[in-house]
């Protein structure tokens, strides 16, 4: 039987990472963000009040929604108009999240399979609750006796978000116009110095999706998850400086670390998904098995 304390802590983490749809969340007060009549996000009320200053870009809130003006009728027009607003707000210091401006563009669309409606600066996406996508890689080894160990990365102390926390072997956001597979290979190379030929053996196995809200806004995120079995002799090396160290750990040790403050929360979810898929967590011994599975795969 799984440790009751471990199970409760993991359940708490999943509930926190899915709090946007919990009873009493801020969702009831948020405005739908719509482009050409389709919802692409959620705008908190404190953000919506600021957007009313830009009537040439945003229509006033109506019927529970904030929409882009119909005159902004192309990908480029929408992107440039909204970016102009965000650049102004960045200078004025209205929103703390914009102090972490990255000059990284994320596509905005109703669903991943849809054509993008516009791009938006990564640091601003929580203000509009638009869906954000990323790629996470579980790196692991299997020795001659069948024992599985997992490679974990420790984030650099200078990272803008979750500095010094444990992370998956490699991971990164999906930039506008870039494919999932390209992002996989790029992040493996830049963060862990994994050769392209080896990175391309990674298998797409799952997505992990969740929506949470905090003081900076709404985070609706879906991570494309890959498993990468590495040769026992392979050792990742620090690449672009976003990682300060790598550890190869037994699965039991990794499992215990998931529910500590050591782990970046969404990366802990990606590892939990690995543990379930590889039968390190089973329904006969984990009472919250169904809650875990549901918490990893929420509809955005």
C-alpha atoms as a PDB file:
ATOM      1  CA  UNK A   1       0.000   0.000   0.000  1.00  0.00           C
ATOM      2  CA  UNK A   2       1.272   3.458  -0.870  1.00  0.00           C
ATOM      3  CA  UNK A   3       2.181   5.812   1.971  1.00  0.00           C
ATOM      4  CA  UNK A   4      -0.950   7.719   2.952  1.00  0.00           C
ATOM      5  CA  UNK A   5       1.081  10.878   3.596  1.00  0.00           C
ATOM      6  CA  UNK A   6       2.735  10.704   0.146  1.00  0.00           C
ATOM      7  CA  UNK A   7      -0.607  10.123  -1.573  1.00  0.00           C
ATOM      8  CA  UNK A   8      -2.266  13.024   0.214  1.00  0.00           C
ATOM      9  CA  UNK A   9       0.588  15.382  -0.672  1.00  0.00           C
ATOM     10  CA  UNK A  10       0.454  14.368  -4.321  1.00  0.00           C
ATOM     11  CA  UNK A  11      -3.310  14.830  -4.413  1.00  0.00           C
ATOM     12  CA  UNK A  12      -2.872  18.286  -2.885  1.00  0.00           C
ATOM     13  CA  UNK A  13      -0.343  19.207  -5.596  1.00  0.00           C
ATOM     14  CA  UNK A  14      -2.718  18.101  -8.357  1.00  0.00           C
ATOM     15  CA  UNK A  15      -5.597  20.048  -6.857  1.00  0.00           C
ATOM     16  CA  UNK A  16      -3.417  23.161  -6.604  1.00  0.00           C
ATOM     17  CA  UNK A  17      -2.352  22.819 -10.234  1.00  0.00           C
ATOM     18  CA  UNK A  18      -6.004  22.496 -11.283  1.00  0.00           C
ATOM     19  CA  UNK A  19      -7.464  25.136  -8.991  1.00  0.00           C
ATOM     20  CA  UNK A  20      -8.943  27.287 -11.778  1.00  0.00           C
ATOM     21  CA  UNK A  21     -11.875  24.912 -12.131  1.00  0.00           C
ATOM     22  CA  UNK A  22     -12.286  24.316  -8.407  1.00  0.00           C
ATOM     23  CA  UNK A  23     -15.349  25.625  -6.539  1.00  0.00           C
ATOM     24  CA  UNK A  24     -14.752  29.170  -5.337  1.00  0.00           C
ATOM     25  CA  UNK A  25     -11.975  29.922  -7.838  1.00  0.00           C
ATOM     26  CA  UNK A  26     -11.613  33.238  -9.644  1.00  0.00           C
ATOM     27  CA  UNK A  27     -13.087  31.733 -12.821  1.00  0.00           C
ATOM     28  CA  UNK A  28     -16.580  33.018 -12.026  1.00  0.00           C
ATOM     29  CA  UNK A  29     -15.225  36.582 -12.112  1.00  0.00           C
ATOM     30  CA  UNK A  30     -13.060  36.199 -15.208  1.00  0.00           C
ATOM     31  CA  UNK A  31     -14.042  37.323 -18.694  1.00  0.00           C
ATOM     32  CA  UNK A  32     -13.802  35.054 -21.700  1.00  0.00           C
ATOM     33  CA  UNK A  33     -11.122  36.264 -24.108  1.00  0.00           C
ATOM     34  CA  UNK A  34     -12.519  35.984 -27.622  1.00  0.00           C
ATOM     35  CA  UNK A  35     -11.084  36.486 -31.090  1.00  0.00           C
ATOM     36  CA  UNK A  36     -13.462  36.471 -34.066  1.00  0.00           C
ATOM     37  CA  UNK A  37     -16.193  34.961 -31.893  1.00  0.00           C
ATOM     38  CA  UNK A  38     -14.091  32.080 -30.536  1.00  0.00           C
ATOM     39  CA  UNK A  39     -12.838  31.798 -26.981  1.00  0.00           C
ATOM     40  CA  UNK A  40      -9.065  31.585 -26.659  1.00  0.00           C
ATOM     41  CA  UNK A  41      -8.568  32.357 -22.960  1.00  0.00           C
ATOM     42  CA  UNK A  42      -9.729  33.875 -19.675  1.00  0.00           C
ATOM     43  CA  UNK A  43      -9.049  37.459 -18.571  1.00  0.00           C
ATOM     44  CA  UNK A  44      -9.068  38.290 -14.825  1.00  0.00           C
ATOM     45  CA  UNK A  45     -11.116  41.372 -13.873  1.00  0.00           C
ATOM     46  CA  UNK A  46      -8.092  43.473 -12.856  1.00  0.00           C
ATOM     47  CA  UNK A  47      -6.651  42.937 -16.337  1.00  0.00           C
ATOM     48  CA  UNK A  48      -9.946  43.621 -18.121  1.00  0.00           C
ATOM     49  CA  UNK A  49     -10.225  47.020 -16.400  1.00  0.00           C
ATOM     50  CA  UNK A  50      -6.836  48.047 -17.809  1.00  0.00           C
ATOM     51  CA  UNK A  51      -7.718  46.878 -21.322  1.00  0.00           C
ATOM     52  CA  UNK A  52     -10.652  49.327 -21.471  1.00  0.00           C
ATOM     53  CA  UNK A  53      -8.035  52.065 -21.970  1.00  0.00           C
ATOM     54  CA  UNK A  54      -7.347  50.683 -25.447  1.00  0.00           C
ATOM     55  CA  UNK A  55     -10.657  50.854 -27.372  1.00  0.00           C
ATOM     56  CA  UNK A  56      -8.866  50.546 -30.719  1.00  0.00           C
ATOM     57  CA  UNK A  57      -7.645  47.096 -29.693  1.00  0.00           C
ATOM     58  CA  UNK A  58     -10.204  45.656 -27.251  1.00  0.00           C
ATOM     59  CA  UNK A  59     -13.983  45.967 -27.255  1.00  0.00           C
ATOM     60  CA  UNK A  60     -15.487  46.831 -23.841  1.00  0.00           C
ATOM     61  CA  UNK A  61     -16.512  43.805 -21.731  1.00  0.00           C
ATOM     62  CA  UNK A  62     -19.876  42.547 -22.922  1.00  0.00           C
ATOM     63  CA  UNK A  63     -21.826  39.402 -22.075  1.00  0.00           C
ATOM     64  CA  UNK A  64     -18.995  38.100 -19.926  1.00  0.00           C
ATOM     65  CA  UNK A  65     -16.394  38.439 -22.687  1.00  0.00           C
ATOM     66  CA  UNK A  66     -13.609  40.760 -23.803  1.00  0.00           C
ATOM     67  CA  UNK A  67     -13.007  40.609 -27.548  1.00  0.00           C
ATOM     68  CA  UNK A  68     -10.407  41.973 -29.909  1.00  0.00           C
ATOM     69  CA  UNK A  69     -11.818  44.650 -32.201  1.00  0.00           C
ATOM     70  CA  UNK A  70     -13.165  43.234 -35.458  1.00  0.00           C
ATOM     71  CA  UNK A  71     -10.951  45.629 -37.425  1.00  0.00           C
ATOM     72  CA  UNK A  72      -8.003  43.502 -36.286  1.00  0.00           C
ATOM     73  CA  UNK A  73      -8.747  40.842 -38.829  1.00  0.00           C
ATOM     74  CA  UNK A  74      -5.413  39.103 -39.390  1.00  0.00           C
ATOM     75  CA  UNK A  75      -2.712  37.260 -37.454  1.00  0.00           C
ATOM     76  CA  UNK A  76      -0.263  40.118 -37.926  1.00  0.00           C
ATOM     77  CA  UNK A  77      -2.670  42.952 -37.092  1.00  0.00           C
ATOM     78  CA  UNK A  78      -3.849  41.261 -33.894  1.00  0.00           C
ATOM     79  CA  UNK A  79      -0.353  40.339 -32.776  1.00  0.00           C
ATOM     80  CA  UNK A  80       1.112  43.792 -33.330  1.00  0.00           C
ATOM     81  CA  UNK A  81      -1.837  45.629 -31.749  1.00  0.00           C
ATOM     82  CA  UNK A  82      -1.822  43.527 -28.584  1.00  0.00           C
ATOM     83  CA  UNK A  83       1.966  43.656 -28.379  1.00  0.00           C
ATOM     84  CA  UNK A  84       1.798  47.443 -28.482  1.00  0.00           C
ATOM     85  CA  UNK A  85      -0.546  47.425 -25.496  1.00  0.00           C
ATOM     86  CA  UNK A  86       1.695  45.015 -23.612  1.00  0.00           C
ATOM     87  CA  UNK A  87       4.827  47.038 -24.332  1.00  0.00           C
ATOM     88  CA  UNK A  88       3.095  50.104 -22.868  1.00  0.00           C
ATOM     89  CA  UNK A  89       1.994  48.192 -19.783  1.00  0.00           C
ATOM     90  CA  UNK A  90       5.500  46.805 -19.419  1.00  0.00           C
ATOM     91  CA  UNK A  91       6.868  50.352 -19.272  1.00  0.00           C
ATOM     92  CA  UNK A  92       4.176  51.449 -16.824  1.00  0.00           C
ATOM     93  CA  UNK A  93       4.811  48.472 -14.552  1.00  0.00           C
ATOM     94  CA  UNK A  94       1.105  47.640 -14.220  1.00  0.00           C
ATOM     95  CA  UNK A  95       1.588  43.857 -14.123  1.00  0.00           C
ATOM     96  CA  UNK A  96       4.408  42.112 -12.278  1.00  0.00           C
ATOM     97  CA  UNK A  97       4.571  39.245 -14.780  1.00  0.00           C
ATOM     98  CA  UNK A  98       5.732  41.630 -17.515  1.00  0.00           C
ATOM     99  CA  UNK A  99       8.946  42.324 -15.586  1.00  0.00           C
ATOM    100  CA  UNK A 100       9.968  38.863 -16.767  1.00  0.00           C
ATOM    101  CA  UNK A 101       9.638  39.787 -20.456  1.00  0.00           C
ATOM    102  CA  UNK A 102      11.377  37.117 -22.548  1.00  0.00           C
ATOM    103  CA  UNK A 103      10.999  38.185 -26.176  1.00  0.00           C
ATOM    104  CA  UNK A 104       9.500  34.733 -26.811  1.00  0.00           C
ATOM    105  CA  UNK A 105       6.359  34.465 -28.915  1.00  0.00           C
ATOM    106  CA  UNK A 106       3.613  31.928 -28.215  1.00  0.00           C
ATOM    107  CA  UNK A 107       0.831  31.204 -30.684  1.00  0.00           C
ATOM    108  CA  UNK A 108      -2.744  31.834 -29.524  1.00  0.00           C
ATOM    109  CA  UNK A 109      -5.530  29.565 -30.799  1.00  0.00           C
ATOM    110  CA  UNK A 110      -8.730  27.947 -29.470  1.00  0.00           C
ATOM    111  CA  UNK A 111      -7.302  24.409 -29.753  1.00  0.00           C
ATOM    112  CA  UNK A 112      -3.873  23.062 -30.625  1.00  0.00           C
ATOM    113  CA  UNK A 113      -5.194  21.744 -33.948  1.00  0.00           C
ATOM    114  CA  UNK A 114      -6.534  25.175 -34.966  1.00  0.00           C
ATOM    115  CA  UNK A 115      -4.705  27.773 -37.023  1.00  0.00           C
ATOM    116  CA  UNK A 116      -3.235  30.406 -34.692  1.00  0.00           C
ATOM    117  CA  UNK A 117      -5.170  33.663 -34.371  1.00  0.00           C
ATOM    118  CA  UNK A 118      -2.148  35.706 -33.224  1.00  0.00           C
ATOM    119  CA  UNK A 119       1.088  35.501 -31.265  1.00  0.00           C
ATOM    120  CA  UNK A 120       1.673  36.863 -27.776  1.00  0.00           C
ATOM    121  CA  UNK A 121       4.734  37.524 -25.622  1.00  0.00           C
ATOM    122  CA  UNK A 122       5.244  34.533 -23.335  1.00  0.00           C
ATOM    123  CA  UNK A 123       5.423  36.624 -20.150  1.00  0.00           C
ATOM    124  CA  UNK A 124       1.973  38.100 -20.866  1.00  0.00           C
ATOM    125  CA  UNK A 125       0.051  34.895 -21.531  1.00  0.00           C
ATOM    126  CA  UNK A 126      -1.184  34.528 -17.938  1.00  0.00           C
ATOM    127  CA  UNK A 127      -2.907  37.923 -18.190  1.00  0.00           C
ATOM    128  CA  UNK A 128      -5.150  36.494 -20.913  1.00  0.00           C
ATOM    129  CA  UNK A 129      -5.304  32.863 -19.758  1.00  0.00           C
ATOM    130  CA  UNK A 130      -4.402  31.646 -23.239  1.00  0.00           C
ATOM    131  CA  UNK A 131      -3.306  28.041 -23.697  1.00  0.00           C
ATOM    132  CA  UNK A 132       0.416  27.473 -23.453  1.00  0.00           C
ATOM    133  CA  UNK A 133       2.159  24.382 -24.770  1.00  0.00           C
ATOM    134  CA  UNK A 134       5.506  22.851 -23.938  1.00  0.00           C
ATOM    135  CA  UNK A 135       7.659  19.770 -24.407  1.00  0.00           C
ATOM    136  CA  UNK A 136       9.014  17.717 -21.471  1.00  0.00           C
ATOM    137  CA  UNK A 137      11.440  14.809 -21.708  1.00  0.00           C
ATOM    138  CA  UNK A 138      11.704  11.991 -19.170  1.00  0.00           C
ATOM    139  CA  UNK A 139      15.265  10.704 -19.461  1.00  0.00           C
ATOM    140  CA  UNK A 140      15.846   7.302 -17.911  1.00  0.00           C
ATOM    141  CA  UNK A 141      18.159   4.287 -17.954  1.00  0.00           C
ATOM    142  CA  UNK A 142      17.571   0.562 -17.519  1.00  0.00           C
ATOM    143  CA  UNK A 143      20.476  -1.538 -16.227  1.00  0.00           C
ATOM    144  CA  UNK A 144      21.183  -5.186 -16.935  1.00  0.00           C
ATOM    145  CA  UNK A 145      19.025  -6.254 -14.027  1.00  0.00           C
ATOM    146  CA  UNK A 146      16.051  -4.237 -15.237  1.00  0.00           C
ATOM    147  CA  UNK A 147      16.323  -1.466 -12.634  1.00  0.00           C
ATOM    148  CA  UNK A 148      15.045   1.877 -13.904  1.00  0.00           C
ATOM    149  CA  UNK A 149      16.729   5.117 -12.887  1.00  0.00           C
ATOM    150  CA  UNK A 150      15.703   8.624 -13.917  1.00  0.00           C
ATOM    151  CA  UNK A 151      17.795  11.626 -14.856  1.00  0.00           C
ATOM    152  CA  UNK A 152      16.677  14.856 -13.180  1.00  0.00           C
ATOM    153  CA  UNK A 153      17.962  18.367 -13.782  1.00  0.00           C
ATOM    154  CA  UNK A 154      18.348  21.123 -11.215  1.00  0.00           C
ATOM    155  CA  UNK A 155      17.365  24.490 -12.609  1.00  0.00           C
ATOM    156  CA  UNK A 156      19.850  27.330 -12.543  1.00  0.00           C
ATOM    157  CA  UNK A 157      19.672  29.648  -9.543  1.00  0.00           C
ATOM    158  CA  UNK A 158      19.254  32.535 -12.008  1.00  0.00           C
ATOM    159  CA  UNK A 159      16.131  31.188 -13.768  1.00  0.00           C
ATOM    160  CA  UNK A 160      13.230  33.660 -13.793  1.00  0.00           C
ATOM    161  CA  UNK A 161      10.817  30.998 -12.568  1.00  0.00           C
ATOM    162  CA  UNK A 162      11.390  28.248  -9.977  1.00  0.00           C
ATOM    163  CA  UNK A 163      15.141  28.873  -9.621  1.00  0.00           C
ATOM    164  CA  UNK A 164      17.059  25.952  -8.140  1.00  0.00           C
ATOM    165  CA  UNK A 165      14.158  23.515  -8.346  1.00  0.00           C
ATOM    166  CA  UNK A 166      14.328  19.973  -9.713  1.00  0.00           C
ATOM    167  CA  UNK A 167      13.121  19.571 -13.288  1.00  0.00           C
ATOM    168  CA  UNK A 168      12.794  16.971 -16.018  1.00  0.00           C
ATOM    169  CA  UNK A 169      15.946  16.118 -17.963  1.00  0.00           C
ATOM    170  CA  UNK A 170      15.017  18.726 -20.586  1.00  0.00           C
ATOM    171  CA  UNK A 171      11.945  20.849 -21.237  1.00  0.00           C
ATOM    172  CA  UNK A 172      10.872  24.013 -22.980  1.00  0.00           C
ATOM    173  CA  UNK A 173       7.948  26.049 -24.192  1.00  0.00           C
ATOM    174  CA  UNK A 174       6.564  25.653 -27.701  1.00  0.00           C
ATOM    175  CA  UNK A 175       7.369  28.885 -29.539  1.00  0.00           C
ATOM    176  CA  UNK A 176       5.199  30.300 -32.310  1.00  0.00           C
ATOM    177  CA  UNK A 177       5.641  28.481 -35.604  1.00  0.00           C
ATOM    178  CA  UNK A 178       7.909  25.778 -34.151  1.00  0.00           C
ATOM    179  CA  UNK A 179       7.040  22.063 -34.152  1.00  0.00           C
ATOM    180  CA  UNK A 180       6.933  19.778 -31.134  1.00  0.00           C
ATOM    181  CA  UNK A 181       9.685  17.525 -32.520  1.00  0.00           C
ATOM    182  CA  UNK A 182      11.969  20.477 -33.290  1.00  0.00           C
ATOM    183  CA  UNK A 183      11.477  21.776 -29.739  1.00  0.00           C
ATOM    184  CA  UNK A 184      12.320  18.334 -28.344  1.00  0.00           C
ATOM    185  CA  UNK A 185      15.634  18.130 -30.204  1.00  0.00           C
ATOM    186  CA  UNK A 186      16.499  21.777 -29.492  1.00  0.00           C
ATOM    187  CA  UNK A 187      15.890  21.518 -25.730  1.00  0.00           C
ATOM    188  CA  UNK A 188      17.779  18.229 -25.455  1.00  0.00           C
ATOM    189  CA  UNK A 189      20.768  19.843 -27.137  1.00  0.00           C
ATOM    190  CA  UNK A 190      20.684  23.210 -25.379  1.00  0.00           C
ATOM    191  CA  UNK A 191      19.927  22.056 -21.848  1.00  0.00           C
ATOM    192  CA  UNK A 192      21.565  18.620 -21.609  1.00  0.00           C
ATOM    193  CA  UNK A 193      23.961  18.382 -24.602  1.00  0.00           C
ATOM    194  CA  UNK A 194      22.115  15.314 -25.908  1.00  0.00           C
ATOM    195  CA  UNK A 195      23.141  14.588 -29.525  1.00  0.00           C
ATOM    196  CA  UNK A 196      20.420  14.951 -32.142  1.00  0.00           C
ATOM    197  CA  UNK A 197      20.558  11.285 -33.168  1.00  0.00           C
ATOM    198  CA  UNK A 198      19.947  10.204 -29.575  1.00  0.00           C
ATOM    199  CA  UNK A 199      17.262  12.829 -28.898  1.00  0.00           C
ATOM    200  CA  UNK A 200      15.347  11.709 -31.975  1.00  0.00           C
ATOM    201  CA  UNK A 201      14.869   8.262 -30.406  1.00  0.00           C
ATOM    202  CA  UNK A 202      12.556   9.821 -27.791  1.00  0.00           C
ATOM    203  CA  UNK A 203       8.993   8.517 -27.998  1.00  0.00           C
ATOM    204  CA  UNK A 204       5.885  10.714 -27.663  1.00  0.00           C
ATOM    205  CA  UNK A 205       3.855   9.052 -24.921  1.00  0.00           C
ATOM    206  CA  UNK A 206       1.374  11.443 -23.343  1.00  0.00           C
ATOM    207  CA  UNK A 207       0.216  14.957 -22.636  1.00  0.00           C
ATOM    208  CA  UNK A 208      -0.130  16.466 -19.172  1.00  0.00           C
ATOM    209  CA  UNK A 209      -2.696  19.285 -18.963  1.00  0.00           C
ATOM    210  CA  UNK A 210      -3.871  21.513 -16.121  1.00  0.00           C
ATOM    211  CA  UNK A 211      -5.224  25.002 -15.369  1.00  0.00           C
ATOM    212  CA  UNK A 212      -4.419  27.063 -12.312  1.00  0.00           C
ATOM    213  CA  UNK A 213      -4.707  30.666 -11.227  1.00  0.00           C
ATOM    214  CA  UNK A 214      -2.487  32.758  -8.992  1.00  0.00           C
ATOM    215  CA  UNK A 215      -1.795  36.435  -8.386  1.00  0.00           C
ATOM    216  CA  UNK A 216      -0.260  36.807 -11.861  1.00  0.00           C
ATOM    217  CA  UNK A 217      -3.228  35.428 -13.775  1.00  0.00           C
ATOM    218  CA  UNK A 218      -4.505  32.204 -15.332  1.00  0.00           C
ATOM    219  CA  UNK A 219      -2.204  29.407 -16.525  1.00  0.00           C
ATOM    220  CA  UNK A 220      -3.831  26.920 -18.909  1.00  0.00           C
ATOM    221  CA  UNK A 221      -1.001  24.609 -19.934  1.00  0.00           C
ATOM    222  CA  UNK A 222      -0.495  21.359 -21.818  1.00  0.00           C
ATOM    223  CA  UNK A 223       2.854  19.582 -21.993  1.00  0.00           C
ATOM    224  CA  UNK A 224       3.769  17.112 -24.710  1.00  0.00           C
ATOM    225  CA  UNK A 225       5.597  14.318 -22.900  1.00  0.00           C
ATOM    226  CA  UNK A 226       8.378  12.175 -24.343  1.00  0.00           C
ATOM    227  CA  UNK A 227      10.221   9.201 -22.852  1.00  0.00           C
ATOM    228  CA  UNK A 228      13.900   8.943 -23.763  1.00  0.00           C
ATOM    229  CA  UNK A 229      15.754   5.797 -22.758  1.00  0.00           C
ATOM    230  CA  UNK A 230      19.443   6.639 -22.499  1.00  0.00           C
ATOM    231  CA  UNK A 231      22.428   4.284 -22.579  1.00  0.00           C
ATOM    232  CA  UNK A 232      23.677   3.510 -19.042  1.00  0.00           C
ATOM    233  CA  UNK A 233      27.034   5.097 -19.867  1.00  0.00           C
ATOM    234  CA  UNK A 234      25.534   8.369 -21.144  1.00  0.00           C
ATOM    235  CA  UNK A 235      25.861  11.445 -18.926  1.00  0.00           C
ATOM    236  CA  UNK A 236      24.098  14.720 -19.784  1.00  0.00           C
ATOM    237  CA  UNK A 237      26.227  17.862 -19.732  1.00  0.00           C
ATOM    238  CA  UNK A 238      25.229  21.421 -18.907  1.00  0.00           C
ATOM    239  CA  UNK A 239      24.568  23.339 -22.109  1.00  0.00           C
ATOM    240  CA  UNK A 240      23.026  26.816 -22.161  1.00  0.00           C
ATOM    241  CA  UNK A 241      23.300  27.460 -18.426  1.00  0.00           C
ATOM    242  CA  UNK A 242      19.610  26.991 -17.634  1.00  0.00           C
ATOM    243  CA  UNK A 243      20.579  23.901 -15.611  1.00  0.00           C
ATOM    244  CA  UNK A 244      23.184  23.788 -12.843  1.00  0.00           C
ATOM    245  CA  UNK A 245      23.407  20.010 -12.304  1.00  0.00           C
ATOM    246  CA  UNK A 246      22.056  16.584 -13.276  1.00  0.00           C
ATOM    247  CA  UNK A 247      21.285  13.583 -11.049  1.00  0.00           C
ATOM    248  CA  UNK A 248      20.652   9.933 -11.908  1.00  0.00           C
ATOM    249  CA  UNK A 249      18.383   8.589  -9.169  1.00  0.00           C
ATOM    250  CA  UNK A 250      16.509   5.369  -8.325  1.00  0.00           C
ATOM    251  CA  UNK A 251      12.789   5.565  -8.984  1.00  0.00           C
ATOM    252  CA  UNK A 252      11.868   5.258  -5.290  1.00  0.00           C
ATOM    253  CA  UNK A 253      13.990   8.313  -4.488  1.00  0.00           C
ATOM    254  CA  UNK A 254      12.493  10.256  -7.385  1.00  0.00           C
ATOM    255  CA  UNK A 255       9.002   9.372  -6.183  1.00  0.00           C
ATOM    256  CA  UNK A 256       9.677  10.722  -2.702  1.00  0.00           C
ATOM    257  CA  UNK A 257      11.117  13.968  -4.083  1.00  0.00           C
ATOM    258  CA  UNK A 258       7.949  14.660  -6.103  1.00  0.00           C
ATOM    259  CA  UNK A 259       5.962  15.771  -3.069  1.00  0.00           C
ATOM    260  CA  UNK A 260       8.669  18.016  -1.610  1.00  0.00           C
ATOM    261  CA  UNK A 261       9.343  21.682  -2.266  1.00  0.00           C
ATOM    262  CA  UNK A 262      12.393  20.565  -4.254  1.00  0.00           C
ATOM    263  CA  UNK A 263      10.394  19.946  -7.445  1.00  0.00           C
ATOM    264  CA  UNK A 264       8.940  22.381  -9.977  1.00  0.00           C
ATOM    265  CA  UNK A 265       5.230  21.445  -9.717  1.00  0.00           C
ATOM    266  CA  UNK A 266       4.370  20.780 -13.358  1.00  0.00           C
ATOM    267  CA  UNK A 267       7.558  18.729 -13.775  1.00  0.00           C
ATOM    268  CA  UNK A 268       6.496  16.626 -10.798  1.00  0.00           C
ATOM    269  CA  UNK A 269       3.255  15.969 -12.681  1.00  0.00           C
ATOM    270  CA  UNK A 270       5.198  14.818 -15.751  1.00  0.00           C
ATOM    271  CA  UNK A 271       7.176  12.360 -13.602  1.00  0.00           C
ATOM    272  CA  UNK A 272       3.975  11.143 -11.928  1.00  0.00           C
ATOM    273  CA  UNK A 273       2.607  10.381 -15.383  1.00  0.00           C
ATOM    274  CA  UNK A 274       5.788   8.355 -16.085  1.00  0.00           C
ATOM    275  CA  UNK A 275       5.387   6.398 -12.830  1.00  0.00           C
ATOM    276  CA  UNK A 276       1.792   5.511 -13.690  1.00  0.00           C
ATOM    277  CA  UNK A 277       2.516   4.533 -17.293  1.00  0.00           C
ATOM    278  CA  UNK A 278       5.452   2.339 -16.261  1.00  0.00           C
ATOM    279  CA  UNK A 279       3.442   0.650 -13.471  1.00  0.00           C
ATOM    280  CA  UNK A 280       5.484   2.035 -10.580  1.00  0.00           C
ATOM    281  CA  UNK A 281       2.105   3.214  -9.290  1.00  0.00           C
ATOM    282  CA  UNK A 282      -0.763   0.737  -9.551  1.00  0.00           C
ATOM    283  CA  UNK A 283      -4.489   0.884  -8.743  1.00  0.00           C
ATOM    284  CA  UNK A 284      -4.331  -1.969  -6.218  1.00  0.00           C
ATOM    285  CA  UNK A 285      -1.835  -0.119  -4.044  1.00  0.00           C
ATOM    286  CA  UNK A 286      -2.608   3.565  -4.682  1.00  0.00           C
ATOM    287  CA  UNK A 287      -6.040   4.610  -3.352  1.00  0.00           C
ATOM    288  CA  UNK A 288      -6.018   7.866  -5.334  1.00  0.00           C
ATOM    289  CA  UNK A 289      -5.004   6.226  -8.623  1.00  0.00           C
ATOM    290  CA  UNK A 290      -8.037   7.515 -10.538  1.00  0.00           C
ATOM    291  CA  UNK A 291      -7.704  10.988  -9.036  1.00  0.00           C
ATOM    292  CA  UNK A 292      -4.069  11.064 -10.110  1.00  0.00           C
ATOM    293  CA  UNK A 293      -4.878  10.078 -13.690  1.00  0.00           C
ATOM    294  CA  UNK A 294      -7.718  12.602 -13.920  1.00  0.00           C
ATOM    295  CA  UNK A 295      -5.596  15.370 -12.411  1.00  0.00           C
ATOM    296  CA  UNK A 296      -2.904  14.881 -15.056  1.00  0.00           C
ATOM    297  CA  UNK A 297      -5.263  15.103 -18.010  1.00  0.00           C
ATOM    298  CA  UNK A 298      -7.645  18.005 -17.515  1.00  0.00           C
ATOM    299  CA  UNK A 299      -9.425  19.565 -20.476  1.00  0.00           C
ATOM    300  CA  UNK A 300      -8.119  23.092 -21.000  1.00  0.00           C
END
